[in-house]
Amino acid sequence: MNSQTHPRFISLEGGEGAGKTTVLNALRATLEVDGVEVLCTREPGGTPFAETIRGWLLDHEASESLAPETELLLMFAARAQHVRHVILPALQRGAWVISDRFTDSSYAYQGGGRGLPMSLIAELERRVVGLRPAVTLLLDVGVGEGRARARGRAPDPDRIEREEDDFFERVRQVFLQRAAAEPDRIRIVDATRPADIVAAEAARHVARWRESIEA
């Protein structure tokens, strides 16, 4: 199964504290103003079983540490459920789908952060997922600033949020490398600016994309 790009599928990516929730809400409002159906979802998660997997992945009190390979496979197990039970049905009925994270996060976190082979992730993407967003907005912010924001929002960090700065620096670099390699799909948005300015720029990207496919 080869990965196919769907024109009404949008993903948001970025490191900790990038402000994806604010942007997601702005994008939903931009699309709903014309009466179209918009499904907003997240990863890991999006279905009841995938949310259970999310709990396993983020639990910092688990009695057993996760091997990097286990983390990766759990991410893709949750994603397979998400795609088949939520994302594809919504796209098939004509809705727009906005996902807070998708497969780019596996390349960044499990590839860059954990050091797993990118070729393994690409193979899982091809065989297990088979779907790519047409537009990915990468909300980019420095690791120090992003982590400070995240700590302000959630003083009890989850298992991944507890990693050291160098882990998140590797994550950020992979995100930026993927954006440089796929500039037509991945649009970098400077997330160091005020939230309303970031959200407005993201909404403009989506509005222009919609105009280009509906013209």
C-alpha atoms as a PDB file:
ATOM      1  CA  MET A   1       0.000   0.000   0.000  1.00  0.00           C
ATOM      2  CA  ASN A   2       1.501   3.306  -1.065  1.00  0.00           C
ATOM      3  CA  SER A   3       0.761   6.477   0.892  1.00  0.00           C
ATOM      4  CA  GLN A   4      -1.775   8.722  -0.811  1.00  0.00           C
ATOM      5  CA  THR A   5      -2.210  12.436  -0.190  1.00  0.00           C
ATOM      6  CA  HIS A   6      -5.732  13.669   0.450  1.00  0.00           C
ATOM      7  CA  PRO A   7      -6.491  17.333  -0.372  1.00  0.00           C
ATOM      8  CA  ARG A   8      -8.856  17.876   2.588  1.00  0.00           C
ATOM      9  CA  PHE A   9      -6.493  16.426   5.177  1.00  0.00           C
ATOM     10  CA  ILE A  10      -4.415  18.923   7.207  1.00  0.00           C
ATOM     11  CA  SER A  11      -1.982  18.205  10.033  1.00  0.00           C
ATOM     12  CA  LEU A  12      -0.384  20.411  12.663  1.00  0.00           C
ATOM     13  CA  GLU A  13       3.119  19.637  13.872  1.00  0.00           C
ATOM     14  CA  GLY A  14       5.657  21.137  16.218  1.00  0.00           C
ATOM     15  CA  GLY A  15       7.517  20.603  19.444  1.00  0.00           C
ATOM     16  CA  GLU A  16       6.302  21.079  22.995  1.00  0.00           C
ATOM     17  CA  GLY A  17       4.536  24.380  23.653  1.00  0.00           C
ATOM     18  CA  ALA A  18       4.180  25.362  19.991  1.00  0.00           C
ATOM     19  CA  GLY A  19       0.524  26.350  20.389  1.00  0.00           C
ATOM     20  CA  LYS A  20      -1.146  23.776  18.174  1.00  0.00           C
ATOM     21  CA  THR A  21      -4.492  23.892  20.011  1.00  0.00           C
ATOM     22  CA  THR A  22      -4.955  27.619  19.368  1.00  0.00           C
ATOM     23  CA  VAL A  23      -4.107  27.182  15.703  1.00  0.00           C
ATOM     24  CA  LEU A  24      -6.394  24.167  15.334  1.00  0.00           C
ATOM     25  CA  ASN A  25      -9.336  26.190  16.637  1.00  0.00           C
ATOM     26  CA  ALA A  26      -8.552  29.021  14.222  1.00  0.00           C
ATOM     27  CA  LEU A  27      -8.383  26.646  11.266  1.00  0.00           C
ATOM     28  CA  ARG A  28     -11.691  25.059  12.203  1.00  0.00           C
ATOM     29  CA  ALA A  29     -13.329  28.487  12.341  1.00  0.00           C
ATOM     30  CA  THR A  30     -11.815  29.434   8.972  1.00  0.00           C
ATOM     31  CA  LEU A  31     -13.322  26.377   7.291  1.00  0.00           C
ATOM     32  CA  GLU A  32     -16.653  26.312   9.122  1.00  0.00           C
ATOM     33  CA  VAL A  33     -17.481  29.868   8.109  1.00  0.00           C
ATOM     34  CA  ASP A  34     -18.564  28.479   4.731  1.00  0.00           C
ATOM     35  CA  GLY A  35     -20.631  25.709   6.286  1.00  0.00           C
ATOM     36  CA  VAL A  36     -18.277  22.817   5.540  1.00  0.00           C
ATOM     37  CA  GLU A  37     -17.928  19.921   7.962  1.00  0.00           C
ATOM     38  CA  VAL A  38     -14.639  19.953   9.875  1.00  0.00           C
ATOM     39  CA  LEU A  39     -13.370  17.095  12.003  1.00  0.00           C
ATOM     40  CA  CYS A  40     -10.636  17.994  14.501  1.00  0.00           C
ATOM     41  CA  THR A  41      -8.718  15.121  16.050  1.00  0.00           C
ATOM     42  CA  ARG A  42      -5.369  14.290  17.642  1.00  0.00           C
ATOM     43  CA  GLU A  43      -2.531  11.795  17.859  1.00  0.00           C
ATOM     44  CA  PRO A  44      -1.814   9.577  19.546  1.00  0.00           C
ATOM     45  CA  GLY A  45      -5.527   9.041  20.034  1.00  0.00           C
ATOM     46  CA  GLY A  46      -8.661   9.872  18.110  1.00  0.00           C
ATOM     47  CA  THR A  47     -10.596   6.652  18.831  1.00  0.00           C
ATOM     48  CA  PRO A  48     -11.410   4.996  22.173  1.00  0.00           C
ATOM     49  CA  PHE A  49      -8.787   2.276  21.690  1.00  0.00           C
ATOM     50  CA  ALA A  50      -6.200   4.718  20.347  1.00  0.00           C
ATOM     51  CA  GLU A  51      -6.807   6.929  23.395  1.00  0.00           C
ATOM     52  CA  THR A  52      -6.069   3.902  25.582  1.00  0.00           C
ATOM     53  CA  ILE A  53      -2.759   3.501  23.739  1.00  0.00           C
ATOM     54  CA  ARG A  54      -2.121   7.213  24.303  1.00  0.00           C
ATOM     55  CA  GLY A  55      -2.438   6.604  28.022  1.00  0.00           C
ATOM     56  CA  TRP A  56       0.163   3.840  27.867  1.00  0.00           C
ATOM     57  CA  LEU A  57       2.535   5.999  25.838  1.00  0.00           C
ATOM     58  CA  LEU A  58       2.360   9.086  28.047  1.00  0.00           C
ATOM     59  CA  ASP A  59       2.119   7.488  31.493  1.00  0.00           C
ATOM     60  CA  HIS A  60       5.172   8.588  33.463  1.00  0.00           C
ATOM     61  CA  GLU A  61       4.277   6.354  36.413  1.00  0.00           C
ATOM     62  CA  ALA A  62       4.382   3.071  34.491  1.00  0.00           C
ATOM     63  CA  SER A  63       6.342   0.322  36.247  1.00  0.00           C
ATOM     64  CA  GLU A  64       8.186  -0.619  33.056  1.00  0.00           C
ATOM     65  CA  SER A  65      10.082   1.635  30.654  1.00  0.00           C
ATOM     66  CA  LEU A  66       9.174   1.491  26.969  1.00  0.00           C
ATOM     67  CA  ALA A  67      11.768   0.376  24.445  1.00  0.00           C
ATOM     68  CA  PRO A  68      11.993   2.835  21.529  1.00  0.00           C
ATOM     69  CA  GLU A  69      10.701   0.150  19.172  1.00  0.00           C
ATOM     70  CA  THR A  70       7.714  -0.487  21.445  1.00  0.00           C
ATOM     71  CA  GLU A  71       6.932   3.229  21.499  1.00  0.00           C
ATOM     72  CA  LEU A  72       7.085   3.404  17.710  1.00  0.00           C
ATOM     73  CA  LEU A  73       4.862   0.368  17.161  1.00  0.00           C
ATOM     74  CA  LEU A  74       2.303   1.607  19.673  1.00  0.00           C
ATOM     75  CA  MET A  75       2.213   4.954  17.875  1.00  0.00           C
ATOM     76  CA  PHE A  76       1.501   3.217  14.595  1.00  0.00           C
ATOM     77  CA  ALA A  77      -1.071   0.881  16.154  1.00  0.00           C
ATOM     78  CA  ALA A  78      -2.966   3.926  17.416  1.00  0.00           C
ATOM     79  CA  ARG A  79      -2.548   5.622  14.035  1.00  0.00           C
ATOM     80  CA  ALA A  80      -3.921   2.623  12.147  1.00  0.00           C
ATOM     81  CA  GLN A  81      -7.078   2.726  14.276  1.00  0.00           C
ATOM     82  CA  HIS A  82      -7.301   6.493  13.879  1.00  0.00           C
ATOM     83  CA  VAL A  83      -7.009   6.415  10.103  1.00  0.00           C
ATOM     84  CA  ARG A  84      -9.434   3.583   9.485  1.00  0.00           C
ATOM     85  CA  HIS A  85     -12.098   4.444  12.051  1.00  0.00           C
ATOM     86  CA  VAL A  86     -12.031   8.249  12.051  1.00  0.00           C
ATOM     87  CA  ILE A  87      -9.972  10.004   9.380  1.00  0.00           C
ATOM     88  CA  LEU A  88     -10.845   8.007   6.251  1.00  0.00           C
ATOM     89  CA  PRO A  89     -14.601   7.840   6.978  1.00  0.00           C
ATOM     90  CA  ALA A  90     -14.668  11.617   7.484  1.00  0.00           C
ATOM     91  CA  LEU A  91     -12.764  12.285   4.260  1.00  0.00           C
ATOM     92  CA  GLN A  92     -14.988   9.870   2.360  1.00  0.00           C
ATOM     93  CA  ARG A  93     -18.132  11.742   3.412  1.00  0.00           C
ATOM     94  CA  GLY A  94     -16.621  15.054   2.260  1.00  0.00           C
ATOM     95  CA  ALA A  95     -15.398  16.540   5.523  1.00  0.00           C
ATOM     96  CA  TRP A  96     -12.140  18.373   6.107  1.00  0.00           C
ATOM     97  CA  VAL A  97      -9.914  16.738   8.715  1.00  0.00           C
ATOM     98  CA  ILE A  98      -7.416  18.586  10.911  1.00  0.00           C
ATOM     99  CA  SER A  99      -5.156  16.402  13.038  1.00  0.00           C
ATOM    100  CA  ASP A 100      -3.014  17.618  15.910  1.00  0.00           C
ATOM    101  CA  ARG A 101       0.044  15.539  14.914  1.00  0.00           C
ATOM    102  CA  PHE A 102       0.352  12.755  12.366  1.00  0.00           C
ATOM    103  CA  THR A 103       3.168  10.618  10.915  1.00  0.00           C
ATOM    104  CA  ASP A 104       5.680  13.493  10.733  1.00  0.00           C
ATOM    105  CA  SER A 105       5.751  13.335  14.531  1.00  0.00           C
ATOM    106  CA  SER A 106       6.944   9.723  14.400  1.00  0.00           C
ATOM    107  CA  TYR A 107       9.840  10.723  12.155  1.00  0.00           C
ATOM    108  CA  ALA A 108      10.691  13.558  14.568  1.00  0.00           C
ATOM    109  CA  TYR A 109      10.139  11.915  17.960  1.00  0.00           C
ATOM    110  CA  GLN A 110      10.891   8.248  17.371  1.00  0.00           C
ATOM    111  CA  GLY A 111      13.320   8.853  14.494  1.00  0.00           C
ATOM    112  CA  GLY A 112      15.102  12.012  15.604  1.00  0.00           C
ATOM    113  CA  GLY A 113      14.478  11.807  19.325  1.00  0.00           C
ATOM    114  CA  ARG A 114      14.865   8.046  19.858  1.00  0.00           C
ATOM    115  CA  GLY A 115      17.296   7.386  17.014  1.00  0.00           C
ATOM    116  CA  LEU A 116      15.240   4.717  15.250  1.00  0.00           C
ATOM    117  CA  PRO A 117      15.871   4.224  11.504  1.00  0.00           C
ATOM    118  CA  MET A 118      13.918   6.572   9.256  1.00  0.00           C
ATOM    119  CA  SER A 119      13.611   3.694   6.788  1.00  0.00           C
ATOM    120  CA  LEU A 120      11.674   1.673   9.370  1.00  0.00           C
ATOM    121  CA  ILE A 121       9.271   4.555   9.966  1.00  0.00           C
ATOM    122  CA  ALA A 122       8.834   5.048   6.218  1.00  0.00           C
ATOM    123  CA  GLU A 123       8.004   1.361   5.804  1.00  0.00           C
ATOM    124  CA  LEU A 124       5.433   1.506   8.590  1.00  0.00           C
ATOM    125  CA  GLU A 125       3.952   4.649   7.058  1.00  0.00           C
ATOM    126  CA  ARG A 126       3.610   2.895   3.711  1.00  0.00           C
ATOM    127  CA  ARG A 127       2.299  -0.437   4.989  1.00  0.00           C
ATOM    128  CA  VAL A 128       0.228   0.603   8.008  1.00  0.00           C
ATOM    129  CA  VAL A 129      -1.028   4.126   7.315  1.00  0.00           C
ATOM    130  CA  GLY A 130      -1.202   4.690   3.556  1.00  0.00           C
ATOM    131  CA  LEU A 131      -2.338   8.310   3.957  1.00  0.00           C
ATOM    132  CA  ARG A 132      -0.597  11.689   4.059  1.00  0.00           C
ATOM    133  CA  PRO A 133      -1.945  15.185   4.671  1.00  0.00           C
ATOM    134  CA  ALA A 134      -1.929  17.599   1.751  1.00  0.00           C
ATOM    135  CA  VAL A 135      -0.910  20.473   4.033  1.00  0.00           C
ATOM    136  CA  THR A 136       1.175  20.269   7.196  1.00  0.00           C
ATOM    137  CA  LEU A 137       1.710  23.408   9.249  1.00  0.00           C
ATOM    138  CA  LEU A 138       4.894  23.191  11.289  1.00  0.00           C
ATOM    139  CA  LEU A 139       4.679  25.552  14.253  1.00  0.00           C
ATOM    140  CA  ASP A 140       8.317  26.223  14.991  1.00  0.00           C
ATOM    141  CA  VAL A 141       9.580  27.548  18.307  1.00  0.00           C
ATOM    142  CA  GLY A 142      12.915  27.151  20.079  1.00  0.00           C
ATOM    143  CA  VAL A 143      13.150  24.280  22.550  1.00  0.00           C
ATOM    144  CA  GLY A 144      13.739  26.466  25.590  1.00  0.00           C
ATOM    145  CA  GLU A 145      10.801  28.765  24.906  1.00  0.00           C
ATOM    146  CA  GLY A 146       8.482  25.926  23.941  1.00  0.00           C
ATOM    147  CA  ARG A 147       9.250  23.882  27.040  1.00  0.00           C
ATOM    148  CA  ALA A 148       8.744  26.887  29.295  1.00  0.00           C
ATOM    149  CA  ARG A 149       5.306  27.401  27.745  1.00  0.00           C
ATOM    150  CA  ALA A 150       4.465  23.717  28.166  1.00  0.00           C
ATOM    151  CA  ARG A 151       5.478  23.744  31.825  1.00  0.00           C
ATOM    152  CA  GLY A 152       3.238  26.743  32.400  1.00  0.00           C
ATOM    153  CA  ARG A 153       0.255  24.866  30.956  1.00  0.00           C
ATOM    154  CA  ALA A 154       0.915  21.445  32.499  1.00  0.00           C
ATOM    155  CA  PRO A 155       3.053  21.446  35.649  1.00  0.00           C
ATOM    156  CA  ASP A 156       2.951  17.612  35.775  1.00  0.00           C
ATOM    157  CA  PRO A 157       4.678  16.617  32.499  1.00  0.00           C
ATOM    158  CA  ASP A 158       3.936  13.312  30.796  1.00  0.00           C
ATOM    159  CA  ARG A 159       6.526  10.633  29.988  1.00  0.00           C
ATOM    160  CA  ILE A 160       7.707  12.247  26.741  1.00  0.00           C
ATOM    161  CA  GLU A 161       7.610  15.806  28.083  1.00  0.00           C
ATOM    162  CA  ARG A 162      10.104  14.693  30.771  1.00  0.00           C
ATOM    163  CA  GLU A 163      12.865  14.088  28.215  1.00  0.00           C
ATOM    164  CA  GLU A 164      15.974  16.296  28.238  1.00  0.00           C
ATOM    165  CA  ASP A 165      16.490  19.336  26.010  1.00  0.00           C
ATOM    166  CA  ASP A 166      18.824  17.498  23.639  1.00  0.00           C
ATOM    167  CA  PHE A 167      16.021  15.040  22.837  1.00  0.00           C
ATOM    168  CA  PHE A 168      13.756  17.914  21.815  1.00  0.00           C
ATOM    169  CA  GLU A 169      16.541  19.605  19.848  1.00  0.00           C
ATOM    170  CA  ARG A 170      16.826  16.437  17.748  1.00  0.00           C
ATOM    171  CA  VAL A 171      13.049  16.397  17.320  1.00  0.00           C
ATOM    172  CA  ARG A 172      13.044  20.004  16.131  1.00  0.00           C
ATOM    173  CA  GLN A 173      15.858  19.437  13.652  1.00  0.00           C
ATOM    174  CA  VAL A 174      14.042  16.520  12.029  1.00  0.00           C
ATOM    175  CA  PHE A 175      10.874  18.585  11.695  1.00  0.00           C
ATOM    176  CA  LEU A 176      12.884  21.356   9.999  1.00  0.00           C
ATOM    177  CA  GLN A 177      14.698  18.876   7.750  1.00  0.00           C
ATOM    178  CA  ARG A 178      11.385  17.401   6.619  1.00  0.00           C
ATOM    179  CA  ALA A 179      10.030  20.877   5.917  1.00  0.00           C
ATOM    180  CA  ALA A 180      13.085  21.688   3.809  1.00  0.00           C
ATOM    181  CA  ALA A 181      12.643  18.431   1.879  1.00  0.00           C
ATOM    182  CA  GLU A 182       8.895  18.904   1.285  1.00  0.00           C
ATOM    183  CA  PRO A 183       8.245  22.661   1.074  1.00  0.00           C
ATOM    184  CA  ASP A 184       5.069  22.247  -0.982  1.00  0.00           C
ATOM    185  CA  ARG A 185       3.427  20.238   1.806  1.00  0.00           C
ATOM    186  CA  ILE A 186       5.068  21.431   5.006  1.00  0.00           C
ATOM    187  CA  ARG A 187       4.727  25.165   5.688  1.00  0.00           C
ATOM    188  CA  ILE A 188       6.823  26.561   8.535  1.00  0.00           C
ATOM    189  CA  VAL A 189       4.994  29.029  10.777  1.00  0.00           C
ATOM    190  CA  ASP A 190       7.052  31.096  13.229  1.00  0.00           C
ATOM    191  CA  ALA A 191       5.360  30.223  16.525  1.00  0.00           C
ATOM    192  CA  THR A 192       7.452  32.596  18.647  1.00  0.00           C
ATOM    193  CA  ARG A 193       4.993  35.412  17.869  1.00  0.00           C
ATOM    194  CA  PRO A 194       1.734  36.185  19.715  1.00  0.00           C
ATOM    195  CA  ALA A 195      -0.834  33.406  19.419  1.00  0.00           C
ATOM    196  CA  ASP A 196      -3.347  35.447  17.419  1.00  0.00           C
ATOM    197  CA  ILE A 197      -0.741  36.344  14.787  1.00  0.00           C
ATOM    198  CA  VAL A 198       0.401  32.716  14.496  1.00  0.00           C
ATOM    199  CA  ALA A 199      -3.202  31.526  14.162  1.00  0.00           C
ATOM    200  CA  ALA A 200      -3.977  34.147  11.523  1.00  0.00           C
ATOM    201  CA  GLU A 201      -0.995  33.125   9.394  1.00  0.00           C
ATOM    202  CA  ALA A 202      -1.928  29.457   9.670  1.00  0.00           C
ATOM    203  CA  ALA A 203      -5.488  30.261   8.625  1.00  0.00           C
ATOM    204  CA  ARG A 204      -4.194  32.148   5.576  1.00  0.00           C
ATOM    205  CA  HIS A 205      -2.173  29.098   4.509  1.00  0.00           C
ATOM    206  CA  VAL A 206      -5.268  26.915   4.665  1.00  0.00           C
ATOM    207  CA  ALA A 207      -7.472  29.476   2.924  1.00  0.00           C
ATOM    208  CA  ARG A 208      -5.000  29.743   0.050  1.00  0.00           C
ATOM    209  CA  TRP A 209      -4.778  25.948  -0.205  1.00  0.00           C
ATOM    210  CA  ARG A 210      -8.546  25.640  -0.305  1.00  0.00           C
ATOM    211  CA  GLU A 211      -8.796  28.279  -3.025  1.00  0.00           C
ATOM    212  CA  SER A 212      -6.186  26.427  -5.098  1.00  0.00           C
ATOM    213  CA  ILE A 213      -8.051  23.099  -5.030  1.00  0.00           C
ATOM    214  CA  GLU A 214     -11.552  24.527  -5.410  1.00  0.00           C
ATOM    215  CA  ALA A 215     -10.816  27.046  -8.167  1.00  0.00           C
END
